[in-house]
Amino acid sequence: MRWIVRVARTMDDVKECYFSDKEKALERMEILKDLSMAVDATVWMEEIDD
């Protein structure tokens, strides 16, 4: 199982990171959420069932 953390200012500008460790994905998502408030971005996480 893998997780994708995505961040976007617009739906045309989505950046994503892939993680195999859920804890690392959650940690990165929390960091990005803090930064996203400064630049008006959206952060979300999705689970991929391989």
C-alpha atoms as a PDB file:
ATOM      1  CA  MET A   1       0.000   0.000   0.000  1.00  0.00           C
ATOM      2  CA  ARG A   2       1.232   3.504  -0.825  1.00  0.00           C
ATOM      3  CA  TRP A   3       0.130   7.028  -0.064  1.00  0.00           C
ATOM      4  CA  ILE A   4       0.239  10.138  -2.219  1.00  0.00           C
ATOM      5  CA  VAL A   5       0.507  13.585  -0.683  1.00  0.00           C
ATOM      6  CA  ARG A   6      -0.567  16.279  -3.122  1.00  0.00           C
ATOM      7  CA  VAL A   7      -0.393  20.051  -2.941  1.00  0.00           C
ATOM      8  CA  ALA A   8      -1.935  22.503  -5.404  1.00  0.00           C
ATOM      9  CA  ARG A   9      -2.465  26.223  -5.760  1.00  0.00           C
ATOM     10  CA  THR A  10      -4.695  25.518  -8.777  1.00  0.00           C
ATOM     11  CA  MET A  11      -5.880  22.229 -10.251  1.00  0.00           C
ATOM     12  CA  ASP A  12      -3.502  22.829 -13.178  1.00  0.00           C
ATOM     13  CA  ASP A  13      -0.494  22.991 -10.842  1.00  0.00           C
ATOM     14  CA  VAL A  14      -0.530  19.825  -8.696  1.00  0.00           C
ATOM     15  CA  LYS A  15       2.676  18.468  -7.151  1.00  0.00           C
ATOM     16  CA  GLU A  16       2.749  15.025  -5.587  1.00  0.00           C
ATOM     17  CA  CYS A  17       5.010  12.842  -3.458  1.00  0.00           C
ATOM     18  CA  TYR A  18       4.683   9.079  -3.042  1.00  0.00           C
ATOM     19  CA  PHE A  19       5.288   7.300   0.277  1.00  0.00           C
ATOM     20  CA  SER A  20       5.288   3.669   1.372  1.00  0.00           C
ATOM     21  CA  ASP A  21       5.307   4.646   5.063  1.00  0.00           C
ATOM     22  CA  LYS A  22       2.023   6.144   6.255  1.00  0.00           C
ATOM     23  CA  GLU A  23       3.641   7.935   9.208  1.00  0.00           C
ATOM     24  CA  LYS A  24       6.106   9.738   6.928  1.00  0.00           C
ATOM     25  CA  ALA A  25       3.269  10.680   4.591  1.00  0.00           C
ATOM     26  CA  LEU A  26       1.250  12.122   7.478  1.00  0.00           C
ATOM     27  CA  GLU A  27       4.293  14.001   8.765  1.00  0.00           C
ATOM     28  CA  ARG A  28       4.960  15.535   5.339  1.00  0.00           C
ATOM     29  CA  MET A  29       1.291  16.409   4.929  1.00  0.00           C
ATOM     30  CA  GLU A  30       1.255  18.299   8.240  1.00  0.00           C
ATOM     31  CA  ILE A  31       4.350  20.286   7.217  1.00  0.00           C
ATOM     32  CA  LEU A  32       2.797  21.138   3.854  1.00  0.00           C
ATOM     33  CA  LYS A  33      -0.503  22.117   5.484  1.00  0.00           C
ATOM     34  CA  ASP A  34       1.335  24.670   7.620  1.00  0.00           C
ATOM     35  CA  LEU A  35       3.091  26.089   4.554  1.00  0.00           C
ATOM     36  CA  SER A  36      -0.053  26.000   2.426  1.00  0.00           C
ATOM     37  CA  MET A  37      -1.752  28.570   4.627  1.00  0.00           C
ATOM     38  CA  ALA A  38       0.933  31.098   3.680  1.00  0.00           C
ATOM     39  CA  VAL A  39       0.569  30.553  -0.073  1.00  0.00           C
ATOM     40  CA  ASP A  40      -3.156  29.713  -0.265  1.00  0.00           C
ATOM     41  CA  ALA A  41      -2.694  26.121  -1.440  1.00  0.00           C
ATOM     42  CA  THR A  42      -4.667  22.928  -0.863  1.00  0.00           C
ATOM     43  CA  VAL A  43      -3.023  19.792   0.564  1.00  0.00           C
ATOM     44  CA  TRP A  44      -4.538  16.315   0.545  1.00  0.00           C
ATOM     45  CA  MET A  45      -3.510  12.690   0.928  1.00  0.00           C
ATOM     46  CA  GLU A  46      -4.757   9.623  -0.925  1.00  0.00           C
ATOM     47  CA  GLU A  47      -4.216   5.929  -0.329  1.00  0.00           C
ATOM     48  CA  ILE A  48      -3.290   3.666  -3.250  1.00  0.00           C
ATOM     49  CA  ASP A  49      -4.016  -0.027  -2.916  1.00  0.00           C
ATOM     50  CA  ASP A  50      -1.343  -1.714  -5.051  1.00  0.00           C
END
